[in-house]
Amino acid sequence: DEEDEETCLSDPGSVVWVLWGRRRYPAKVILMSDVPEDLRNSFRKDDGRSLIVQFYGDKDFSRVDIRKVAELGQTSLDLKWSRFSGILEKYHLALADLKYK
């Protein structure tokens, strides 16, 4: 069921793909309390349909619409989405994190 999938993807610690612009990037779902205090005020207010993520590689934080989040590590789309320059290394970091989850 789609609602169960959204709940699973929104769990803190979930490793996901985030659509950012025209590409997907690997990220980890985190809690607002995991964001450095000096950055918290820069986030837009929670609308109940968004998640806080930290991207692999550059470690940037962002609030993203849950509709732009997809499962990582379990789909045939992983190879397609990870093939772009600079994303493959981040994808491997995310996969390593999945192994230790």
PDB file of N, CA and C in Angstrom:
ATOM      1  N   ASP A   1       0.846  -1.182   0.000  1.00  0.00           N
ATOM      2  CA  ASP A   1       0.000   0.000   0.000  1.00  0.00           C
ATOM      3  C   ASP A   1       0.888   1.241   0.000  1.00  0.00           C
ATOM      4  N   GLU A   2       0.494   2.258  -0.756  1.00  0.00           N
ATOM      5  CA  GLU A   2       1.331   3.454  -0.953  1.00  0.00           C
ATOM      6  C   GLU A   2       1.603   4.187   0.354  1.00  0.00           C
ATOM      7  N   GLU A   3       0.614   4.235   1.245  1.00  0.00           N
ATOM      8  CA  GLU A   3       0.803   4.918   2.525  1.00  0.00           C
ATOM      9  C   GLU A   3       1.844   4.201   3.380  1.00  0.00           C
ATOM     10  N   ASP A   4       1.836   2.861   3.380  1.00  0.00           N
ATOM     11  CA  ASP A   4       2.842   2.104   4.125  1.00  0.00           C
ATOM     12  C   ASP A   4       4.235   2.351   3.572  1.00  0.00           C
ATOM     13  N   GLU A   5       4.354   2.424   2.231  1.00  0.00           N
ATOM     14  CA  GLU A   5       5.649   2.688   1.605  1.00  0.00           C
ATOM     15  C   GLU A   5       6.154   4.065   2.001  1.00  0.00           C
ATOM     16  N   GLU A   6       5.263   5.072   1.997  1.00  0.00           N
ATOM     17  CA  GLU A   6       5.664   6.421   2.407  1.00  0.00           C
ATOM     18  C   GLU A   6       6.131   6.417   3.850  1.00  0.00           C
ATOM     19  N   THR A   7       5.430   5.688   4.717  1.00  0.00           N
ATOM     20  CA  THR A   7       5.806   5.623   6.125  1.00  0.00           C
ATOM     21  C   THR A   7       7.190   5.019   6.265  1.00  0.00           C
ATOM     22  N   CYS A   8       7.457   3.935   5.550  1.00  0.00           N
ATOM     23  CA  CYS A   8       8.755   3.279   5.604  1.00  0.00           C
ATOM     24  C   CYS A   8       9.861   4.219   5.109  1.00  0.00           C
ATOM     25  N   LEU A   9       9.620   4.891   3.987  1.00  0.00           N
ATOM     26  CA  LEU A   9      10.616   5.807   3.436  1.00  0.00           C
ATOM     27  C   LEU A   9      10.849   7.007   4.342  1.00  0.00           C
ATOM     28  N   SER A  10       9.845   7.349   5.128  1.00  0.00           N
ATOM     29  CA  SER A  10       9.983   8.536   5.976  1.00  0.00           C
ATOM     30  C   SER A  10      10.621   8.231   7.326  1.00  0.00           C
ATOM     31  N   ASP A  11      10.890   6.966   7.616  1.00  0.00           N
ATOM     32  CA  ASP A  11      11.506   6.602   8.890  1.00  0.00           C
ATOM     33  C   ASP A  11      12.925   7.161   8.968  1.00  0.00           C
ATOM     34  N   PRO A  12      13.278   7.793  10.081  1.00  0.00           N
ATOM     35  CA  PRO A  12      14.660   8.260  10.240  1.00  0.00           C
ATOM     36  C   PRO A  12      15.631   7.098  10.041  1.00  0.00           C
ATOM     37  N   GLY A  13      16.684   7.362   9.279  1.00  0.00           N
ATOM     38  CA  GLY A  13      17.663   6.336   8.966  1.00  0.00           C
ATOM     39  C   GLY A  13      17.429   5.668   7.625  1.00  0.00           C
ATOM     40  N   SER A  14      16.241   5.879   7.036  1.00  0.00           N
ATOM     41  CA  SER A  14      15.968   5.301   5.719  1.00  0.00           C
ATOM     42  C   SER A  14      16.904   5.911   4.689  1.00  0.00           C
ATOM     43  N   VAL A  15      17.409   5.063   3.798  1.00  0.00           N
ATOM     44  CA  VAL A  15      18.295   5.504   2.727  1.00  0.00           C
ATOM     45  C   VAL A  15      17.446   5.563   1.455  1.00  0.00           C
ATOM     46  N   VAL A  16      17.413   6.731   0.818  1.00  0.00           N
ATOM     47  CA  VAL A  16      16.464   6.987  -0.266  1.00  0.00           C
ATOM     48  C   VAL A  16      17.114   7.721  -1.434  1.00  0.00           C
ATOM     49  N   TRP A  17      16.401   7.729  -2.559  1.00  0.00           N
ATOM     50  CA  TRP A  17      16.734   8.610  -3.678  1.00  0.00           C
ATOM     51  C   TRP A  17      15.864   9.846  -3.543  1.00  0.00           C
ATOM     52  N   VAL A  18      16.439  11.028  -3.790  1.00  0.00           N
ATOM     53  CA  VAL A  18      15.680  12.281  -3.767  1.00  0.00           C
ATOM     54  C   VAL A  18      15.798  12.936  -5.134  1.00  0.00           C
ATOM     55  N   LEU A  19      14.653  13.251  -5.729  1.00  0.00           N
ATOM     56  CA  LEU A  19      14.647  13.978  -6.987  1.00  0.00           C
ATOM     57  C   LEU A  19      14.978  15.433  -6.696  1.00  0.00           C
ATOM     58  N   TRP A  20      16.075  15.896  -7.268  1.00  0.00           N
ATOM     59  CA  TRP A  20      16.552  17.266  -7.053  1.00  0.00           C
ATOM     60  C   TRP A  20      16.868  17.829  -8.426  1.00  0.00           C
ATOM     61  N   GLY A  21      16.045  18.749  -8.878  1.00  0.00           N
ATOM     62  CA  GLY A  21      16.199  19.229 -10.246  1.00  0.00           C
ATOM     63  C   GLY A  21      15.767  18.130 -11.196  1.00  0.00           C
ATOM     64  N   ARG A  22      16.669  17.722 -12.083  1.00  0.00           N
ATOM     65  CA  ARG A  22      16.342  16.670 -13.049  1.00  0.00           C
ATOM     66  C   ARG A  22      17.009  15.336 -12.729  1.00  0.00           C
ATOM     67  N   ARG A  23      17.714  15.265 -11.620  1.00  0.00           N
ATOM     68  CA  ARG A  23      18.426  14.037 -11.253  1.00  0.00           C
ATOM     69  C   ARG A  23      18.025  13.590  -9.854  1.00  0.00           C
ATOM     70  N   ARG A  24      18.296  12.331  -9.586  1.00  0.00           N
ATOM     71  CA  ARG A  24      18.071  11.775  -8.251  1.00  0.00           C
ATOM     72  C   ARG A  24      19.417  11.617  -7.550  1.00  0.00           C
ATOM     73  N   TYR A  25      19.405  11.906  -6.265  1.00  0.00           N
ATOM     74  CA  TYR A  25      20.616  11.810  -5.455  1.00  0.00           C
ATOM     75  C   TYR A  25      20.325  10.964  -4.218  1.00  0.00           C
ATOM     76  N   PRO A  26      21.303  10.168  -3.771  1.00  0.00           N
ATOM     77  CA  PRO A  26      21.105   9.374  -2.562  1.00  0.00           C
ATOM     78  C   PRO A  26      21.177  10.255  -1.313  1.00  0.00           C
ATOM     79  N   ALA A  27      20.298   9.945  -0.365  1.00  0.00           N
ATOM     80  CA  ALA A  27      20.235  10.720   0.883  1.00  0.00           C
ATOM     81  C   ALA A  27      19.721   9.817   1.995  1.00  0.00           C
ATOM     82  N   LYS A  28      19.920  10.282   3.222  1.00  0.00           N
ATOM     83  CA  LYS A  28      19.410   9.575   4.400  1.00  0.00           C
ATOM     84  C   LYS A  28      18.369  10.461   5.076  1.00  0.00           C
ATOM     85  N   VAL A  29      17.239   9.867   5.433  1.00  0.00           N
ATOM     86  CA  VAL A  29      16.192  10.586   6.164  1.00  0.00           C
ATOM     87  C   VAL A  29      16.670  10.783   7.601  1.00  0.00           C
ATOM     88  N   ILE A  30      16.551  11.996   8.086  1.00  0.00           N
ATOM     89  CA  ILE A  30      17.005  12.308   9.446  1.00  0.00           C
ATOM     90  C   ILE A  30      15.923  13.098  10.185  1.00  0.00           C
ATOM     91  N   LEU A  31      16.139  13.301  11.446  1.00  0.00           N
ATOM     92  CA  LEU A  31      15.259  14.130  12.269  1.00  0.00           C
ATOM     93  C   LEU A  31      15.773  15.562  12.267  1.00  0.00           C
ATOM     94  N   MET A  32      14.884  16.501  12.514  1.00  0.00           N
ATOM     95  CA  MET A  32      15.310  17.904  12.600  1.00  0.00           C
ATOM     96  C   MET A  32      16.368  18.071  13.684  1.00  0.00           C
ATOM     97  N   SER A  33      16.287  17.279  14.742  1.00  0.00           N
ATOM     98  CA  SER A  33      17.283  17.384  15.818  1.00  0.00           C
ATOM     99  C   SER A  33      18.682  16.962  15.362  1.00  0.00           C
ATOM    100  N   ASP A  34      18.783  16.263  14.219  1.00  0.00           N
ATOM    101  CA  ASP A  34      20.082  15.871  13.668  1.00  0.00           C
ATOM    102  C   ASP A  34      20.731  16.983  12.852  1.00  0.00           C
ATOM    103  N   VAL A  35      19.948  18.001  12.515  1.00  0.00           N
ATOM    104  CA  VAL A  35      20.456  19.138  11.741  1.00  0.00           C
ATOM    105  C   VAL A  35      21.175  20.080  12.701  1.00  0.00           C
ATOM    106  N   PRO A  36      22.355  20.562  12.333  1.00  0.00           N
ATOM    107  CA  PRO A  36      23.039  21.522  13.217  1.00  0.00           C
ATOM    108  C   PRO A  36      22.116  22.689  13.571  1.00  0.00           C
ATOM    109  N   GLU A  37      22.159  23.069  14.817  1.00  0.00           N
ATOM    110  CA  GLU A  37      21.243  24.087  15.339  1.00  0.00           C
ATOM    111  C   GLU A  37      21.266  25.382  14.524  1.00  0.00           C
ATOM    112  N   ASP A  38      22.450  25.789  14.058  1.00  0.00           N
ATOM    113  CA  ASP A  38      22.543  27.047  13.323  1.00  0.00           C
ATOM    114  C   ASP A  38      21.881  26.978  11.936  1.00  0.00           C
ATOM    115  N   LEU A  39      21.546  25.782  11.457  1.00  0.00           N
ATOM    116  CA  LEU A  39      20.893  25.631  10.147  1.00  0.00           C
ATOM    117  C   LEU A  39      19.380  25.432  10.247  1.00  0.00           C
ATOM    118  N   ARG A  40      18.885  25.085  11.407  1.00  0.00           N
ATOM    119  CA  ARG A  40      17.469  24.727  11.561  1.00  0.00           C
ATOM    120  C   ARG A  40      16.518  25.849  11.151  1.00  0.00           C
ATOM    121  N   ASN A  41      16.856  27.085  11.435  1.00  0.00           N
ATOM    122  CA  ASN A  41      15.961  28.203  11.102  1.00  0.00           C
ATOM    123  C   ASN A  41      15.831  28.439   9.604  1.00  0.00           C
ATOM    124  N   SER A  42      16.768  27.900   8.820  1.00  0.00           N
ATOM    125  CA  SER A  42      16.716  28.107   7.375  1.00  0.00           C
ATOM    126  C   SER A  42      15.733  27.157   6.681  1.00  0.00           C
ATOM    127  N   PHE A  43      15.200  26.178   7.410  1.00  0.00           N
ATOM    128  CA  PHE A  43      14.254  25.234   6.824  1.00  0.00           C
ATOM    129  C   PHE A  43      12.842  25.797   6.845  1.00  0.00           C
ATOM    130  N   ARG A  44      12.117  25.571   5.744  1.00  0.00           N
ATOM    131  CA  ARG A  44      10.720  25.993   5.729  1.00  0.00           C
ATOM    132  C   ARG A  44       9.942  25.140   6.728  1.00  0.00           C
ATOM    133  N   LYS A  45       8.807  25.645   7.129  1.00  0.00           N
ATOM    134  CA  LYS A  45       7.989  24.970   8.127  1.00  0.00           C
ATOM    135  C   LYS A  45       7.496  23.617   7.607  1.00  0.00           C
ATOM    136  N   ASP A  46       7.403  22.649   8.498  1.00  0.00           N
ATOM    137  CA  ASP A  46       6.935  21.314   8.137  1.00  0.00           C
ATOM    138  C   ASP A  46       5.465  21.378   7.748  1.00  0.00           C
ATOM    139  N   ASP A  47       5.162  20.867   6.549  1.00  0.00           N
ATOM    140  CA  ASP A  47       3.781  20.870   6.065  1.00  0.00           C
ATOM    141  C   ASP A  47       3.143  19.488   6.186  1.00  0.00           C
ATOM    142  N   GLY A  48       3.855  18.543   6.790  1.00  0.00           N
ATOM    143  CA  GLY A  48       3.333  17.195   6.952  1.00  0.00           C
ATOM    144  C   GLY A  48       3.540  16.307   5.740  1.00  0.00           C
ATOM    145  N   ARG A  49       4.031  16.852   4.649  1.00  0.00           N
ATOM    146  CA  ARG A  49       4.279  16.087   3.425  1.00  0.00           C
ATOM    147  C   ARG A  49       5.743  16.168   3.012  1.00  0.00           C
ATOM    148  N   SER A  50       6.606  16.482   3.964  1.00  0.00           N
ATOM    149  CA  SER A  50       8.017  16.631   3.625  1.00  0.00           C
ATOM    150  C   SER A  50       8.889  15.905   4.643  1.00  0.00           C
ATOM    151  N   LEU A  51      10.132  15.697   4.252  1.00  0.00           N
ATOM    152  CA  LEU A  51      11.115  15.009   5.082  1.00  0.00           C
ATOM    153  C   LEU A  51      12.386  15.839   5.157  1.00  0.00           C
ATOM    154  N   ILE A  52      13.143  15.635   6.196  1.00  0.00           N
ATOM    155  CA  ILE A  52      14.474  16.224   6.297  1.00  0.00           C
ATOM    156  C   ILE A  52      15.452  15.130   5.871  1.00  0.00           C
ATOM    157  N   VAL A  53      16.347  15.460   4.953  1.00  0.00           N
ATOM    158  CA  VAL A  53      17.346  14.496   4.493  1.00  0.00           C
ATOM    159  C   VAL A  53      18.737  15.116   4.568  1.00  0.00           C
ATOM    160  N   GLN A  54      19.723  14.230   4.609  1.00  0.00           N
ATOM    161  CA  GLN A  54      21.114  14.631   4.467  1.00  0.00           C
ATOM    162  C   GLN A  54      21.664  13.855   3.283  1.00  0.00           C
ATOM    163  N   PHE A  55      22.185  14.586   2.298  1.00  0.00           N
ATOM    164  CA  PHE A  55      22.684  13.966   1.084  1.00  0.00           C
ATOM    165  C   PHE A  55      24.042  13.312   1.324  1.00  0.00           C
ATOM    166  N   TYR A  56      24.249  12.180   0.677  1.00  0.00           N
ATOM    167  CA  TYR A  56      25.551  11.519   0.745  1.00  0.00           C
ATOM    168  C   TYR A  56      26.554  12.312  -0.075  1.00  0.00           C
ATOM    169  N   GLY A  57      27.803  12.268   0.337  1.00  0.00           N
ATOM    170  CA  GLY A  57      28.860  12.965  -0.388  1.00  0.00           C
ATOM    171  C   GLY A  57      29.098  14.346   0.177  1.00  0.00           C
ATOM    172  N   ASP A  58      28.250  15.308  -0.210  1.00  0.00           N
ATOM    173  CA  ASP A  58      28.465  16.685   0.253  1.00  0.00           C
ATOM    174  C   ASP A  58      27.893  16.931   1.648  1.00  0.00           C
ATOM    175  N   LYS A  59      27.036  16.012   2.123  1.00  0.00           N
ATOM    176  CA  LYS A  59      26.458  16.059   3.472  1.00  0.00           C
ATOM    177  C   LYS A  59      25.537  17.252   3.700  1.00  0.00           C
ATOM    178  N   ASP A  60      25.038  17.877   2.630  1.00  0.00           N
ATOM    179  CA  ASP A  60      24.077  18.972   2.758  1.00  0.00           C
ATOM    180  C   ASP A  60      22.757  18.450   3.314  1.00  0.00           C
ATOM    181  N   PHE A  61      22.024  19.342   3.989  1.00  0.00           N
ATOM    182  CA  PHE A  61      20.718  19.022   4.550  1.00  0.00           C
ATOM    183  C   PHE A  61      19.649  19.728   3.726  1.00  0.00           C
ATOM    184  N   SER A  62      18.467  19.109   3.658  1.00  0.00           N
ATOM    185  CA  SER A  62      17.364  19.751   2.955  1.00  0.00           C
ATOM    186  C   SER A  62      16.038  19.181   3.428  1.00  0.00           C
ATOM    187  N   ARG A  63      14.987  19.988   3.307  1.00  0.00           N
ATOM    188  CA  ARG A  63      13.621  19.501   3.487  1.00  0.00           C
ATOM    189  C   ARG A  63      13.103  19.232   2.083  1.00  0.00           C
ATOM    190  N   VAL A  64      12.588  18.023   1.839  1.00  0.00           N
ATOM    191  CA  VAL A  64      12.124  17.644   0.512  1.00  0.00           C
ATOM    192  C   VAL A  64      10.698  17.099   0.573  1.00  0.00           C
ATOM    193  N   ASP A  65       9.964  17.312  -0.493  1.00  0.00           N
ATOM    194  CA  ASP A  65       8.612  16.794  -0.623  1.00  0.00           C
ATOM    195  C   ASP A  65       8.682  15.269  -0.686  1.00  0.00           C
ATOM    196  N   ILE A  66       7.869  14.591   0.093  1.00  0.00           N
ATOM    197  CA  ILE A  66       7.916  13.125   0.148  1.00  0.00           C
ATOM    198  C   ILE A  66       7.610  12.501  -1.210  1.00  0.00           C
ATOM    199  N   ARG A  67       6.904  13.225  -2.082  1.00  0.00           N
ATOM    200  CA  ARG A  67       6.596  12.695  -3.417  1.00  0.00           C
ATOM    201  C   ARG A  67       7.841  12.634  -4.301  1.00  0.00           C
ATOM    202  N   LYS A  68       8.925  13.285  -3.875  1.00  0.00           N
ATOM    203  CA  LYS A  68      10.182  13.266  -4.633  1.00  0.00           C
ATOM    204  C   LYS A  68      11.184  12.268  -4.062  1.00  0.00           C
ATOM    205  N   VAL A  69      10.697  11.377  -3.201  1.00  0.00           N
ATOM    206  CA  VAL A  69      11.546  10.400  -2.528  1.00  0.00           C
ATOM    207  C   VAL A  69      11.191   9.003  -3.033  1.00  0.00           C
ATOM    208  N   ALA A  70      12.219   8.198  -3.315  1.00  0.00           N
ATOM    209  CA  ALA A  70      12.023   6.816  -3.759  1.00  0.00           C
ATOM    210  C   ALA A  70      12.997   5.904  -3.027  1.00  0.00           C
ATOM    211  N   GLU A  71      12.640   4.649  -2.945  1.00  0.00           N
ATOM    212  CA  GLU A  71      13.467   3.656  -2.268  1.00  0.00           C
ATOM    213  C   GLU A  71      14.810   3.486  -2.979  1.00  0.00           C
ATOM    214  N   LEU A  72      15.858   3.314  -2.213  1.00  0.00           N
ATOM    215  CA  LEU A  72      17.194   3.074  -2.748  1.00  0.00           C
ATOM    216  C   LEU A  72      17.648   1.693  -2.307  1.00  0.00           C
ATOM    217  N   GLY A  73      18.347   0.995  -3.206  1.00  0.00           N
ATOM    218  CA  GLY A  73      18.945  -0.284  -2.843  1.00  0.00           C
ATOM    219  C   GLY A  73      18.092  -1.492  -3.123  1.00  0.00           C
ATOM    220  N   GLN A  74      16.892  -1.305  -3.595  1.00  0.00           N
ATOM    221  CA  GLN A  74      16.009  -2.437  -3.814  1.00  0.00           C
ATOM    222  C   GLN A  74      15.355  -2.423  -5.196  1.00  0.00           C
ATOM    223  N   THR A  75      15.730  -1.497  -6.050  1.00  0.00           N
ATOM    224  CA  THR A  75      15.029  -1.375  -7.318  1.00  0.00           C
ATOM    225  C   THR A  75      15.972  -1.463  -8.510  1.00  0.00           C
ATOM    226  N   SER A  76      15.410  -1.803  -9.647  1.00  0.00           N
ATOM    227  CA  SER A  76      16.193  -1.848 -10.884  1.00  0.00           C
ATOM    228  C   SER A  76      16.571  -0.442 -11.344  1.00  0.00           C
ATOM    229  N   LEU A  77      15.934   0.568 -10.781  1.00  0.00           N
ATOM    230  CA  LEU A  77      16.237   1.948 -11.165  1.00  0.00           C
ATOM    231  C   LEU A  77      17.531   2.460 -10.547  1.00  0.00           C
ATOM    232  N   ASP A  78      18.047   1.752  -9.535  1.00  0.00           N
ATOM    233  CA  ASP A  78      19.281   2.198  -8.881  1.00  0.00           C
ATOM    234  C   ASP A  78      20.412   2.416  -9.886  1.00  0.00           C
ATOM    235  N   LEU A  79      20.618   1.456 -10.758  1.00  0.00           N
ATOM    236  CA  LEU A  79      21.721   1.573 -11.728  1.00  0.00           C
ATOM    237  C   LEU A  79      21.486   2.730 -12.698  1.00  0.00           C
ATOM    238  N   LYS A  80      20.261   2.915 -13.119  1.00  0.00           N
ATOM    239  CA  LYS A  80      19.931   4.023 -14.030  1.00  0.00           C
ATOM    240  C   LYS A  80      20.205   5.363 -13.353  1.00  0.00           C
ATOM    241  N   TRP A  81      19.737   5.511 -12.128  1.00  0.00           N
ATOM    242  CA  TRP A  81      19.857   6.793 -11.431  1.00  0.00           C
ATOM    243  C   TRP A  81      21.283   7.066 -10.948  1.00  0.00           C
ATOM    244  N   SER A  82      22.087   6.024 -10.754  1.00  0.00           N
ATOM    245  CA  SER A  82      23.439   6.229 -10.220  1.00  0.00           C
ATOM    246  C   SER A  82      24.482   6.429 -11.312  1.00  0.00           C
ATOM    247  N   ARG A  83      24.105   6.335 -12.563  1.00  0.00           N
ATOM    248  CA  ARG A  83      25.096   6.359 -13.653  1.00  0.00           C
ATOM    249  C   ARG A  83      25.647   7.752 -13.973  1.00  0.00           C
ATOM    250  N   PHE A  84      25.028   8.792 -13.478  1.00  0.00           N
ATOM    251  CA  PHE A  84      25.476  10.147 -13.788  1.00  0.00           C
ATOM    252  C   PHE A  84      26.760  10.496 -13.044  1.00  0.00           C
ATOM    253  N   SER A  85      27.564  11.312 -13.660  1.00  0.00           N
ATOM    254  CA  SER A  85      28.848  11.719 -13.095  1.00  0.00           C
ATOM    255  C   SER A  85      28.660  12.292 -11.692  1.00  0.00           C
ATOM    256  N   GLY A  86      29.457  11.811 -10.767  1.00  0.00           N
ATOM    257  CA  GLY A  86      29.415  12.321  -9.405  1.00  0.00           C
ATOM    258  C   GLY A  86      28.393  11.641  -8.510  1.00  0.00           C
ATOM    259  N   ILE A  87      27.449  10.930  -9.095  1.00  0.00           N
ATOM    260  CA  ILE A  87      26.413  10.290  -8.286  1.00  0.00           C
ATOM    261  C   ILE A  87      26.807   8.865  -7.902  1.00  0.00           C
ATOM    262  N   LEU A  88      27.567   8.198  -8.745  1.00  0.00           N
ATOM    263  CA  LEU A  88      27.930   6.804  -8.486  1.00  0.00           C
ATOM    264  C   LEU A  88      28.666   6.644  -7.156  1.00  0.00           C
ATOM    265  N   GLU A  89      29.621   7.514  -6.885  1.00  0.00           N
ATOM    266  CA  GLU A  89      30.360   7.445  -5.619  1.00  0.00           C
ATOM    267  C   GLU A  89      29.417   7.629  -4.429  1.00  0.00           C
ATOM    268  N   LYS A  90      28.495   8.573  -4.533  1.00  0.00           N
ATOM    269  CA  LYS A  90      27.530   8.819  -3.455  1.00  0.00           C
ATOM    270  C   LYS A  90      26.604   7.623  -3.291  1.00  0.00           C
ATOM    271  N   TYR A  91      26.255   6.997  -4.413  1.00  0.00           N
ATOM    272  CA  TYR A  91      25.410   5.800  -4.388  1.00  0.00           C
ATOM    273  C   TYR A  91      26.114   4.680  -3.617  1.00  0.00           C
ATOM    274  N   HIS A  92      27.397   4.501  -3.846  1.00  0.00           N
ATOM    275  CA  HIS A  92      28.146   3.457  -3.131  1.00  0.00           C
ATOM    276  C   HIS A  92      28.227   3.750  -1.634  1.00  0.00           C
ATOM    277  N   LEU A  93      28.328   5.008  -1.262  1.00  0.00           N
ATOM    278  CA  LEU A  93      28.293   5.383   0.161  1.00  0.00           C
ATOM    279  C   LEU A  93      26.940   5.005   0.771  1.00  0.00           C
ATOM    280  N   ALA A  94      25.891   5.267   0.031  1.00  0.00           N
ATOM    281  CA  ALA A  94      24.546   4.936   0.513  1.00  0.00           C
ATOM    282  C   ALA A  94      24.360   3.432   0.657  1.00  0.00           C
ATOM    283  N   LEU A  95      24.860   2.666  -0.327  1.00  0.00           N
ATOM    284  CA  LEU A  95      24.749   1.199  -0.242  1.00  0.00           C
ATOM    285  C   LEU A  95      25.505   0.655   0.958  1.00  0.00           C
ATOM    286  N   ALA A  96      26.672   1.224   1.222  1.00  0.00           N
ATOM    287  CA  ALA A  96      27.446   0.785   2.390  1.00  0.00           C
ATOM    288  C   ALA A  96      26.657   1.055   3.671  1.00  0.00           C
ATOM    289  N   ASP A  97      25.983   2.188   3.735  1.00  0.00           N
ATOM    290  CA  ASP A  97      25.161   2.529   4.892  1.00  0.00           C
ATOM    291  C   ASP A  97      23.995   1.545   5.046  1.00  0.00           C
ATOM    292  N   LEU A  98      23.424   1.123   3.934  1.00  0.00           N
ATOM    293  CA  LEU A  98      22.326   0.156   3.980  1.00  0.00           C
ATOM    294  C   LEU A  98      22.784  -1.171   4.577  1.00  0.00           C
ATOM    295  N   LYS A  99      24.006  -1.578   4.281  1.00  0.00           N
ATOM    296  CA  LYS A  99      24.521  -2.855   4.778  1.00  0.00           C
ATOM    297  C   LYS A  99      24.651  -2.857   6.291  1.00  0.00           C
ATOM    298  N   TYR A 100      24.880  -1.692   6.876  1.00  0.00           N
ATOM    299  CA  TYR A 100      25.081  -1.593   8.327  1.00  0.00           C
ATOM    300  C   TYR A 100      23.827  -1.210   9.072  1.00  0.00           C
ATOM    301  N   LYS A 101      22.722  -1.108   8.368  1.00  0.00           N
ATOM    302  CA  LYS A 101      21.457  -0.698   8.976  1.00  0.00           C
ATOM    303  C   LYS A 101      20.860  -1.808   9.796  1.00  0.00           C
TER     304      LYS A 101
END
